[in-house]
Amino acid sequence: MKTATMPALRVEPELRQAAEEILRPGETLSAFVEDSLRRNVEFRRVQQEFIARGLASRDDAKKSGVYFSSEEVLQELDSILASTKKKARK
């Protein structure tokens, strides 16, 4: 597979210095930037999917007329959490 280059990135000298100061041993600035780009692409993909699920859920609720209060949702989440903790202790 062919690789592609990203456009040159102009930043303030302080930002470049801050990035260089936190590099791990053996890590290059290019590797750091690539990793940051990959993480942000994945984060935004997950974020878009989350929003799409939320909008679909909203639309389903409008169609069905079935809604749940925040208290009901939190009680259900507490129940799931308690059940999971109980299983983990065994």
PDB file of N, CA and C in Angstrom:
ATOM      1  N   MET A   1       0.833  -1.163   0.000  1.00  0.00           N
ATOM      2  CA  MET A   1       0.000   0.000   0.000  1.00  0.00           C
ATOM      3  C   MET A   1       0.888   1.240   0.000  1.00  0.00           C
ATOM      4  N   LYS A   2       0.531   2.192  -0.831  1.00  0.00           N
ATOM      5  CA  LYS A   2       1.281   3.439  -0.875  1.00  0.00           C
ATOM      6  C   LYS A   2       0.969   4.282   0.347  1.00  0.00           C
ATOM      7  N   THR A   3       1.943   5.053   0.748  1.00  0.00           N
ATOM      8  CA  THR A   3       1.710   5.972   1.856  1.00  0.00           C
ATOM      9  C   THR A   3       1.515   7.375   1.296  1.00  0.00           C
ATOM     10  N   ALA A   4       0.926   8.218   2.093  1.00  0.00           N
ATOM     11  CA  ALA A   4       0.700   9.605   1.700  1.00  0.00           C
ATOM     12  C   ALA A   4       1.296  10.501   2.770  1.00  0.00           C
ATOM     13  N   THR A   5       1.562  11.717   2.401  1.00  0.00           N
ATOM     14  CA  THR A   5       2.082  12.671   3.367  1.00  0.00           C
ATOM     15  C   THR A   5       0.966  13.605   3.804  1.00  0.00           C
ATOM     16  N   MET A   6       1.101  14.104   5.003  1.00  0.00           N
ATOM     17  CA  MET A   6       0.160  15.092   5.523  1.00  0.00           C
ATOM     18  C   MET A   6       0.725  16.474   5.209  1.00  0.00           C
ATOM     19  N   PRO A   7      -0.150  17.466   5.122  1.00  0.00           N
ATOM     20  CA  PRO A   7       0.354  18.818   4.874  1.00  0.00           C
ATOM     21  C   PRO A   7       1.251  19.278   6.022  1.00  0.00           C
ATOM     22  N   ALA A   8       2.169  20.152   5.688  1.00  0.00           N
ATOM     23  CA  ALA A   8       3.054  20.708   6.715  1.00  0.00           C
ATOM     24  C   ALA A   8       2.198  21.415   7.760  1.00  0.00           C
ATOM     25  N   LEU A   9       2.618  21.328   8.984  1.00  0.00           N
ATOM     26  CA  LEU A   9       1.854  21.883  10.089  1.00  0.00           C
ATOM     27  C   LEU A   9       2.655  23.005  10.728  1.00  0.00           C
ATOM     28  N   ARG A  10       2.115  24.213  10.682  1.00  0.00           N
ATOM     29  CA  ARG A  10       2.776  25.353  11.306  1.00  0.00           C
ATOM     30  C   ARG A  10       2.164  25.572  12.679  1.00  0.00           C
ATOM     31  N   VAL A  11       3.023  25.625  13.692  1.00  0.00           N
ATOM     32  CA  VAL A  11       2.568  25.833  15.063  1.00  0.00           C
ATOM     33  C   VAL A  11       3.465  26.859  15.744  1.00  0.00           C
ATOM     34  N   GLU A  12       2.986  27.373  16.849  1.00  0.00           N
ATOM     35  CA  GLU A  12       3.799  28.291  17.645  1.00  0.00           C
ATOM     36  C   GLU A  12       5.006  27.522  18.185  1.00  0.00           C
ATOM     37  N   PRO A  13       6.143  28.197  18.298  1.00  0.00           N
ATOM     38  CA  PRO A  13       7.341  27.520  18.819  1.00  0.00           C
ATOM     39  C   PRO A  13       7.118  26.895  20.195  1.00  0.00           C
ATOM     40  N   GLU A  14       6.289  27.523  21.022  1.00  0.00           N
ATOM     41  CA  GLU A  14       6.031  26.987  22.358  1.00  0.00           C
ATOM     42  C   GLU A  14       5.305  25.646  22.292  1.00  0.00           C
ATOM     43  N   LEU A  15       4.388  25.497  21.335  1.00  0.00           N
ATOM     44  CA  LEU A  15       3.675  24.229  21.189  1.00  0.00           C
ATOM     45  C   LEU A  15       4.624  23.133  20.728  1.00  0.00           C
ATOM     46  N   ARG A  16       5.481  23.452  19.787  1.00  0.00           N
ATOM     47  CA  ARG A  16       6.456  22.456  19.326  1.00  0.00           C
ATOM     48  C   ARG A  16       7.364  22.032  20.474  1.00  0.00           C
ATOM     49  N   GLN A  17       7.832  23.008  21.243  1.00  0.00           N
ATOM     50  CA  GLN A  17       8.706  22.699  22.367  1.00  0.00           C
ATOM     51  C   GLN A  17       7.986  21.832  23.388  1.00  0.00           C
ATOM     52  N   ALA A  18       6.734  22.152  23.682  1.00  0.00           N
ATOM     53  CA  ALA A  18       5.959  21.371  24.644  1.00  0.00           C
ATOM     54  C   ALA A  18       5.809  19.933  24.152  1.00  0.00           C
ATOM     55  N   ALA A  19       5.557  19.760  22.863  1.00  0.00           N
ATOM     56  CA  ALA A  19       5.422  18.412  22.299  1.00  0.00           C
ATOM     57  C   ALA A  19       6.741  17.658  22.388  1.00  0.00           C
ATOM     58  N   GLU A  20       7.828  18.321  22.069  1.00  0.00           N
ATOM     59  CA  GLU A  20       9.136  17.663  22.114  1.00  0.00           C
ATOM     60  C   GLU A  20       9.507  17.265  23.541  1.00  0.00           C
ATOM     61  N   GLU A  21       9.081  18.072  24.512  1.00  0.00           N
ATOM     62  CA  GLU A  21       9.427  17.786  25.907  1.00  0.00           C
ATOM     63  C   GLU A  21       8.721  16.552  26.450  1.00  0.00           C
ATOM     64  N   ILE A  22       7.605  16.178  25.875  1.00  0.00           N
ATOM     65  CA  ILE A  22       6.869  15.030  26.401  1.00  0.00           C
ATOM     66  C   ILE A  22       7.056  13.758  25.582  1.00  0.00           C
ATOM     67  N   LEU A  23       7.914  13.808  24.582  1.00  0.00           N
ATOM     68  CA  LEU A  23       8.170  12.606  23.785  1.00  0.00           C
ATOM     69  C   LEU A  23       8.739  11.503  24.668  1.00  0.00           C
ATOM     70  N   ARG A  24       8.331  10.296  24.392  1.00  0.00           N
ATOM     71  CA  ARG A  24       8.863   9.146  25.113  1.00  0.00           C
ATOM     72  C   ARG A  24      10.231   8.793  24.538  1.00  0.00           C
ATOM     73  N   PRO A  25      11.026   8.052  25.282  1.00  0.00           N
ATOM     74  CA  PRO A  25      12.344   7.670  24.766  1.00  0.00           C
ATOM     75  C   PRO A  25      12.218   6.954  23.419  1.00  0.00           C
ATOM     76  N   GLY A  26      12.954   7.410  22.443  1.00  0.00           N
ATOM     77  CA  GLY A  26      12.949   6.807  21.117  1.00  0.00           C
ATOM     78  C   GLY A  26      11.811   7.268  20.226  1.00  0.00           C
ATOM     79  N   GLU A  27      10.876   8.037  20.759  1.00  0.00           N
ATOM     80  CA  GLU A  27       9.731   8.506  19.973  1.00  0.00           C
ATOM     81  C   GLU A  27      10.117   9.763  19.209  1.00  0.00           C
ATOM     82  N   THR A  28       9.705   9.823  17.966  1.00  0.00           N
ATOM     83  CA  THR A  28       9.971  11.008  17.156  1.00  0.00           C
ATOM     84  C   THR A  28       8.755  11.924  17.175  1.00  0.00           C
ATOM     85  N   LEU A  29       8.995  13.171  16.839  1.00  0.00           N
ATOM     86  CA  LEU A  29       7.894  14.115  16.758  1.00  0.00           C
ATOM     87  C   LEU A  29       6.906  13.676  15.682  1.00  0.00           C
ATOM     88  N   SER A  30       7.419  13.146  14.577  1.00  0.00           N
ATOM     89  CA  SER A  30       6.539  12.652  13.514  1.00  0.00           C
ATOM     90  C   SER A  30       5.651  11.510  14.004  1.00  0.00           C
ATOM     91  N   ALA A  31       6.219  10.594  14.766  1.00  0.00           N
ATOM     92  CA  ALA A  31       5.438   9.482  15.304  1.00  0.00           C
ATOM     93  C   ALA A  31       4.382   9.984  16.278  1.00  0.00           C
ATOM     94  N   PHE A  32       4.743  10.979  17.085  1.00  0.00           N
ATOM     95  CA  PHE A  32       3.800  11.566  18.030  1.00  0.00           C
ATOM     96  C   PHE A  32       2.632  12.215  17.291  1.00  0.00           C
ATOM     97  N   VAL A  33       2.929  12.962  16.247  1.00  0.00           N
ATOM     98  CA  VAL A  33       1.887  13.634  15.471  1.00  0.00           C
ATOM     99  C   VAL A  33       1.003  12.599  14.784  1.00  0.00           C
ATOM    100  N   GLU A  34       1.600  11.546  14.224  1.00  0.00           N
ATOM    101  CA  GLU A  34       0.812  10.500  13.565  1.00  0.00           C
ATOM    102  C   GLU A  34      -0.108   9.810  14.572  1.00  0.00           C
ATOM    103  N   ASP A  35       0.420   9.482  15.746  1.00  0.00           N
ATOM    104  CA  ASP A  35      -0.395   8.840  16.770  1.00  0.00           C
ATOM    105  C   ASP A  35      -1.546   9.752  17.195  1.00  0.00           C
ATOM    106  N   SER A  36      -1.262  11.032  17.363  1.00  0.00           N
ATOM    107  CA  SER A  36      -2.303  11.996  17.736  1.00  0.00           C
ATOM    108  C   SER A  36      -3.379  12.065  16.665  1.00  0.00           C
ATOM    109  N   LEU A  37      -2.980  12.067  15.423  1.00  0.00           N
ATOM    110  CA  LEU A  37      -3.926  12.117  14.315  1.00  0.00           C
ATOM    111  C   LEU A  37      -4.801  10.864  14.296  1.00  0.00           C
ATOM    112  N   ARG A  38      -4.172   9.690  14.449  1.00  0.00           N
ATOM    113  CA  ARG A  38      -4.937   8.439  14.468  1.00  0.00           C
ATOM    114  C   ARG A  38      -5.953   8.419  15.607  1.00  0.00           C
ATOM    115  N   ARG A  39      -5.523   8.847  16.800  1.00  0.00           N
ATOM    116  CA  ARG A  39      -6.423   8.858  17.957  1.00  0.00           C
ATOM    117  C   ARG A  39      -7.598   9.813  17.744  1.00  0.00           C
ATOM    118  N   ASN A  40      -7.334  10.970  17.181  1.00  0.00           N
ATOM    119  CA  ASN A  40      -8.408  11.931  16.947  1.00  0.00           C
ATOM    120  C   ASN A  40      -9.361  11.464  15.867  1.00  0.00           C
ATOM    121  N   VAL A  41      -8.852  10.821  14.836  1.00  0.00           N
ATOM    122  CA  VAL A  41      -9.727  10.269  13.794  1.00  0.00           C
ATOM    123  C   VAL A  41     -10.651   9.231  14.414  1.00  0.00           C
ATOM    124  N   GLU A  42     -10.106   8.340  15.228  1.00  0.00           N
ATOM    125  CA  GLU A  42     -10.920   7.306  15.870  1.00  0.00           C
ATOM    126  C   GLU A  42     -11.921   7.929  16.842  1.00  0.00           C
ATOM    127  N   PHE A  43     -11.482   8.918  17.620  1.00  0.00           N
ATOM    128  CA  PHE A  43     -12.378   9.584  18.561  1.00  0.00           C
ATOM    129  C   PHE A  43     -13.553  10.221  17.832  1.00  0.00           C
ATOM    130  N   ARG A  44     -13.276  10.903  16.749  1.00  0.00           N
ATOM    131  CA  ARG A  44     -14.352  11.566  16.012  1.00  0.00           C
ATOM    132  C   ARG A  44     -15.286  10.557  15.357  1.00  0.00           C
ATOM    133  N   ARG A  45     -14.739   9.438  14.898  1.00  0.00           N
ATOM    134  CA  ARG A  45     -15.579   8.388  14.318  1.00  0.00           C
ATOM    135  C   ARG A  45     -16.535   7.845  15.380  1.00  0.00           C
ATOM    136  N   VAL A  46     -16.008   7.552  16.553  1.00  0.00           N
ATOM    137  CA  VAL A  46     -16.826   7.041  17.651  1.00  0.00           C
ATOM    138  C   VAL A  46     -17.853   8.097  18.072  1.00  0.00           C
ATOM    139  N   GLN A  47     -17.432   9.345  18.125  1.00  0.00           N
ATOM    140  CA  GLN A  47     -18.323  10.435  18.494  1.00  0.00           C
ATOM    141  C   GLN A  47     -19.480  10.560  17.501  1.00  0.00           C
ATOM    142  N   GLN A  48     -19.173  10.480  16.219  1.00  0.00           N
ATOM    143  CA  GLN A  48     -20.222  10.556  15.191  1.00  0.00           C
ATOM    144  C   GLN A  48     -21.210   9.392  15.324  1.00  0.00           C
ATOM    145  N   GLU A  49     -20.690   8.193  15.588  1.00  0.00           N
ATOM    146  CA  GLU A  49     -21.558   7.031  15.767  1.00  0.00           C
ATOM    147  C   GLU A  49     -22.441   7.204  16.992  1.00  0.00           C
ATOM    148  N   PHE A  50     -21.884   7.753  18.069  1.00  0.00           N
ATOM    149  CA  PHE A  50     -22.645   7.998  19.293  1.00  0.00           C
ATOM    150  C   PHE A  50     -23.788   8.972  19.021  1.00  0.00           C
ATOM    151  N   ILE A  51     -23.482  10.047  18.319  1.00  0.00           N
ATOM    152  CA  ILE A  51     -24.508  11.042  17.996  1.00  0.00           C
ATOM    153  C   ILE A  51     -25.580  10.429  17.106  1.00  0.00           C
ATOM    154  N   ALA A  52     -25.166   9.637  16.128  1.00  0.00           N
ATOM    155  CA  ALA A  52     -26.136   8.988  15.234  1.00  0.00           C
ATOM    156  C   ALA A  52     -27.060   8.063  16.022  1.00  0.00           C
ATOM    157  N   ARG A  53     -26.504   7.297  16.979  1.00  0.00           N
ATOM    158  CA  ARG A  53     -27.344   6.419  17.797  1.00  0.00           C
ATOM    159  C   ARG A  53     -28.309   7.236  18.647  1.00  0.00           C
ATOM    160  N   GLY A  54     -27.838   8.344  19.189  1.00  0.00           N
ATOM    161  CA  GLY A  54     -28.696   9.195  20.000  1.00  0.00           C
ATOM    162  C   GLY A  54     -29.834   9.782  19.189  1.00  0.00           C
ATOM    163  N   LEU A  55     -29.527  10.253  17.981  1.00  0.00           N
ATOM    164  CA  LEU A  55     -30.570  10.811  17.124  1.00  0.00           C
ATOM    165  C   LEU A  55     -31.574   9.745  16.699  1.00  0.00           C
ATOM    166  N   ALA A  56     -31.077   8.543  16.408  1.00  0.00           N
ATOM    167  CA  ALA A  56     -31.976   7.442  16.043  1.00  0.00           C
ATOM    168  C   ALA A  56     -32.868   7.082  17.217  1.00  0.00           C
ATOM    169  N   SER A  57     -32.319   7.082  18.422  1.00  0.00           N
ATOM    170  CA  SER A  57     -33.097   6.784  19.611  1.00  0.00           C
ATOM    171  C   SER A  57     -34.163   7.850  19.835  1.00  0.00           C
ATOM    172  N   ARG A  58     -33.787   9.094  19.616  1.00  0.00           N
ATOM    173  CA  ARG A  58     -34.760  10.179  19.738  1.00  0.00           C
ATOM    174  C   ARG A  58     -35.910   9.996  18.752  1.00  0.00           C
ATOM    175  N   ASP A  59     -35.550   9.662  17.519  1.00  0.00           N
ATOM    176  CA  ASP A  59     -36.577   9.458  16.490  1.00  0.00           C
ATOM    177  C   ASP A  59     -37.489   8.280  16.839  1.00  0.00           C
ATOM    178  N   ASP A  60     -36.894   7.199  17.359  1.00  0.00           N
ATOM    179  CA  ASP A  60     -37.695   6.039  17.776  1.00  0.00           C
ATOM    180  C   ASP A  60     -38.659   6.417  18.898  1.00  0.00           C
ATOM    181  N   ALA A  61     -38.169   7.214  19.840  1.00  0.00           N
ATOM    182  CA  ALA A  61     -39.025   7.627  20.957  1.00  0.00           C
ATOM    183  C   ALA A  61     -40.176   8.491  20.462  1.00  0.00           C
ATOM    184  N   LYS A  62     -39.889   9.378  19.509  1.00  0.00           N
ATOM    185  CA  LYS A  62     -40.953  10.221  18.953  1.00  0.00           C
ATOM    186  C   LYS A  62     -42.015   9.368  18.265  1.00  0.00           C
ATOM    187  N   LYS A  63     -41.569   8.341  17.532  1.00  0.00           N
ATOM    188  CA  LYS A  63     -42.512   7.472  16.812  1.00  0.00           C
ATOM    189  C   LYS A  63     -43.337   6.629  17.768  1.00  0.00           C
ATOM    190  N   SER A  64     -42.677   6.070  18.782  1.00  0.00           N
ATOM    191  CA  SER A  64     -43.367   5.153  19.684  1.00  0.00           C
ATOM    192  C   SER A  64     -44.084   5.874  20.817  1.00  0.00           C
ATOM    193  N   GLY A  65     -43.630   7.063  21.139  1.00  0.00           N
ATOM    194  CA  GLY A  65     -44.203   7.781  22.267  1.00  0.00           C
ATOM    195  C   GLY A  65     -43.726   7.258  23.610  1.00  0.00           C
ATOM    196  N   VAL A  66     -42.750   6.345  23.596  1.00  0.00           N
ATOM    197  CA  VAL A  66     -42.220   5.763  24.832  1.00  0.00           C
ATOM    198  C   VAL A  66     -40.959   6.520  25.227  1.00  0.00           C
ATOM    199  N   TYR A  67     -41.016   7.118  26.406  1.00  0.00           N
ATOM    200  CA  TYR A  67     -39.876   7.876  26.926  1.00  0.00           C
ATOM    201  C   TYR A  67     -39.536   7.360  28.320  1.00  0.00           C
ATOM    202  N   PHE A  68     -38.297   7.554  28.732  1.00  0.00           N
ATOM    203  CA  PHE A  68     -37.850   7.155  30.053  1.00  0.00           C
ATOM    204  C   PHE A  68     -37.271   8.379  30.744  1.00  0.00           C
ATOM    205  N   SER A  69     -37.586   8.530  32.019  1.00  0.00           N
ATOM    206  CA  SER A  69     -37.041   9.655  32.776  1.00  0.00           C
ATOM    207  C   SER A  69     -35.575   9.392  33.094  1.00  0.00           C
ATOM    208  N   SER A  70     -34.856  10.454  33.431  1.00  0.00           N
ATOM    209  CA  SER A  70     -33.449  10.280  33.789  1.00  0.00           C
ATOM    210  C   SER A  70     -33.316   9.415  35.041  1.00  0.00           C
ATOM    211  N   GLU A  71     -34.277   9.540  35.951  1.00  0.00           N
ATOM    212  CA  GLU A  71     -34.239   8.718  37.167  1.00  0.00           C
ATOM    213  C   GLU A  71     -34.349   7.235  36.827  1.00  0.00           C
ATOM    214  N   GLU A  72     -35.234   6.892  35.891  1.00  0.00           N
ATOM    215  CA  GLU A  72     -35.394   5.494  35.486  1.00  0.00           C
ATOM    216  C   GLU A  72     -34.106   4.962  34.854  1.00  0.00           C
ATOM    217  N   VAL A  73     -33.510   5.770  34.021  1.00  0.00           N
ATOM    218  CA  VAL A  73     -32.276   5.355  33.342  1.00  0.00           C
ATOM    219  C   VAL A  73     -31.163   5.173  34.360  1.00  0.00           C
ATOM    220  N   LEU A  74     -31.023   6.114  35.283  1.00  0.00           N
ATOM    221  CA  LEU A  74     -29.970   6.011  36.297  1.00  0.00           C
ATOM    222  C   LEU A  74     -30.188   4.806  37.215  1.00  0.00           C
ATOM    223  N   GLN A  75     -31.435   4.508  37.558  1.00  0.00           N
ATOM    224  CA  GLN A  75     -31.722   3.320  38.372  1.00  0.00           C
ATOM    225  C   GLN A  75     -31.314   2.046  37.637  1.00  0.00           C
ATOM    226  N   GLU A  76     -31.599   2.001  36.352  1.00  0.00           N
ATOM    227  CA  GLU A  76     -31.226   0.825  35.558  1.00  0.00           C
ATOM    228  C   GLU A  76     -29.707   0.689  35.478  1.00  0.00           C
ATOM    229  N   LEU A  77     -29.016   1.807  35.271  1.00  0.00           N
ATOM    230  CA  LEU A  77     -27.552   1.764  35.218  1.00  0.00           C
ATOM    231  C   LEU A  77     -26.968   1.340  36.562  1.00  0.00           C
ATOM    232  N   ASP A  78     -27.542   1.851  37.673  1.00  0.00           N
ATOM    233  CA  ASP A  78     -27.089   1.432  39.004  1.00  0.00           C
ATOM    234  C   ASP A  78     -27.280  -0.062  39.203  1.00  0.00           C
ATOM    235  N   SER A  79     -28.395  -0.579  38.713  1.00  0.00           N
ATOM    236  CA  SER A  79     -28.670  -2.011  38.825  1.00  0.00           C
ATOM    237  C   SER A  79     -27.645  -2.830  38.043  1.00  0.00           C
ATOM    238  N   ILE A  80     -27.342  -2.388  36.836  1.00  0.00           N
ATOM    239  CA  ILE A  80     -26.342  -3.086  36.007  1.00  0.00           C
ATOM    240  C   ILE A  80     -24.982  -3.049  36.687  1.00  0.00           C
ATOM    241  N   LEU A  81     -24.610  -1.889  37.218  1.00  0.00           N
ATOM    242  CA  LEU A  81     -23.321  -1.738  37.884  1.00  0.00           C
ATOM    243  C   LEU A  81     -23.231  -2.639  39.122  1.00  0.00           C
ATOM    244  N   ALA A  82     -24.282  -2.656  39.921  1.00  0.00           N
ATOM    245  CA  ALA A  82     -24.300  -3.505  41.121  1.00  0.00           C
ATOM    246  C   ALA A  82     -24.186  -4.980  40.751  1.00  0.00           C
ATOM    247  N   SER A  83     -24.879  -5.379  39.707  1.00  0.00           N
ATOM    248  CA  SER A  83     -24.820  -6.768  39.264  1.00  0.00           C
ATOM    249  C   SER A  83     -23.419  -7.137  38.775  1.00  0.00           C
ATOM    250  N   THR A  84     -22.809  -6.224  38.058  1.00  0.00           N
ATOM    251  CA  THR A  84     -21.454  -6.470  37.535  1.00  0.00           C
ATOM    252  C   THR A  84     -20.444  -6.559  38.679  1.00  0.00           C
ATOM    253  N   LYS A  85     -20.574  -5.669  39.658  1.00  0.00           N
ATOM    254  CA  LYS A  85     -19.658  -5.701  40.806  1.00  0.00           C
ATOM    255  C   LYS A  85     -19.839  -6.992  41.586  1.00  0.00           C
ATOM    256  N   LYS A  86     -21.084  -7.440  41.730  1.00  0.00           N
ATOM    257  CA  LYS A  86     -21.348  -8.681  42.459  1.00  0.00           C
ATOM    258  C   LYS A  86     -20.690  -9.869  41.761  1.00  0.00           C
ATOM    259  N   LYS A  87     -20.809  -9.895  40.429  1.00  0.00           N
ATOM    260  CA  LYS A  87     -20.190 -10.988  39.664  1.00  0.00           C
ATOM    261  C   LYS A  87     -18.672 -10.948  39.754  1.00  0.00           C
ATOM    262  N   ALA A  88     -18.115  -9.728  39.778  1.00  0.00           N
ATOM    263  CA  ALA A  88     -16.652  -9.582  39.828  1.00  0.00           C
ATOM    264  C   ALA A  88     -16.093 -10.076  41.164  1.00  0.00           C
ATOM    265  N   ARG A  89     -16.867  -9.958  42.228  1.00  0.00           N
ATOM    266  CA  ARG A  89     -16.403 -10.389  43.559  1.00  0.00           C
ATOM    267  C   ARG A  89     -16.330 -11.900  43.686  1.00  0.00           C
ATOM    268  N   LYS A  90     -17.090 -12.608  42.861  1.00  0.00           N
ATOM    269  CA  LYS A  90     -17.149 -14.079  42.963  1.00  0.00           C
ATOM    270  C   LYS A  90     -15.933 -14.738  42.403  1.00  0.00           C
TER     271      LYS A  90
END
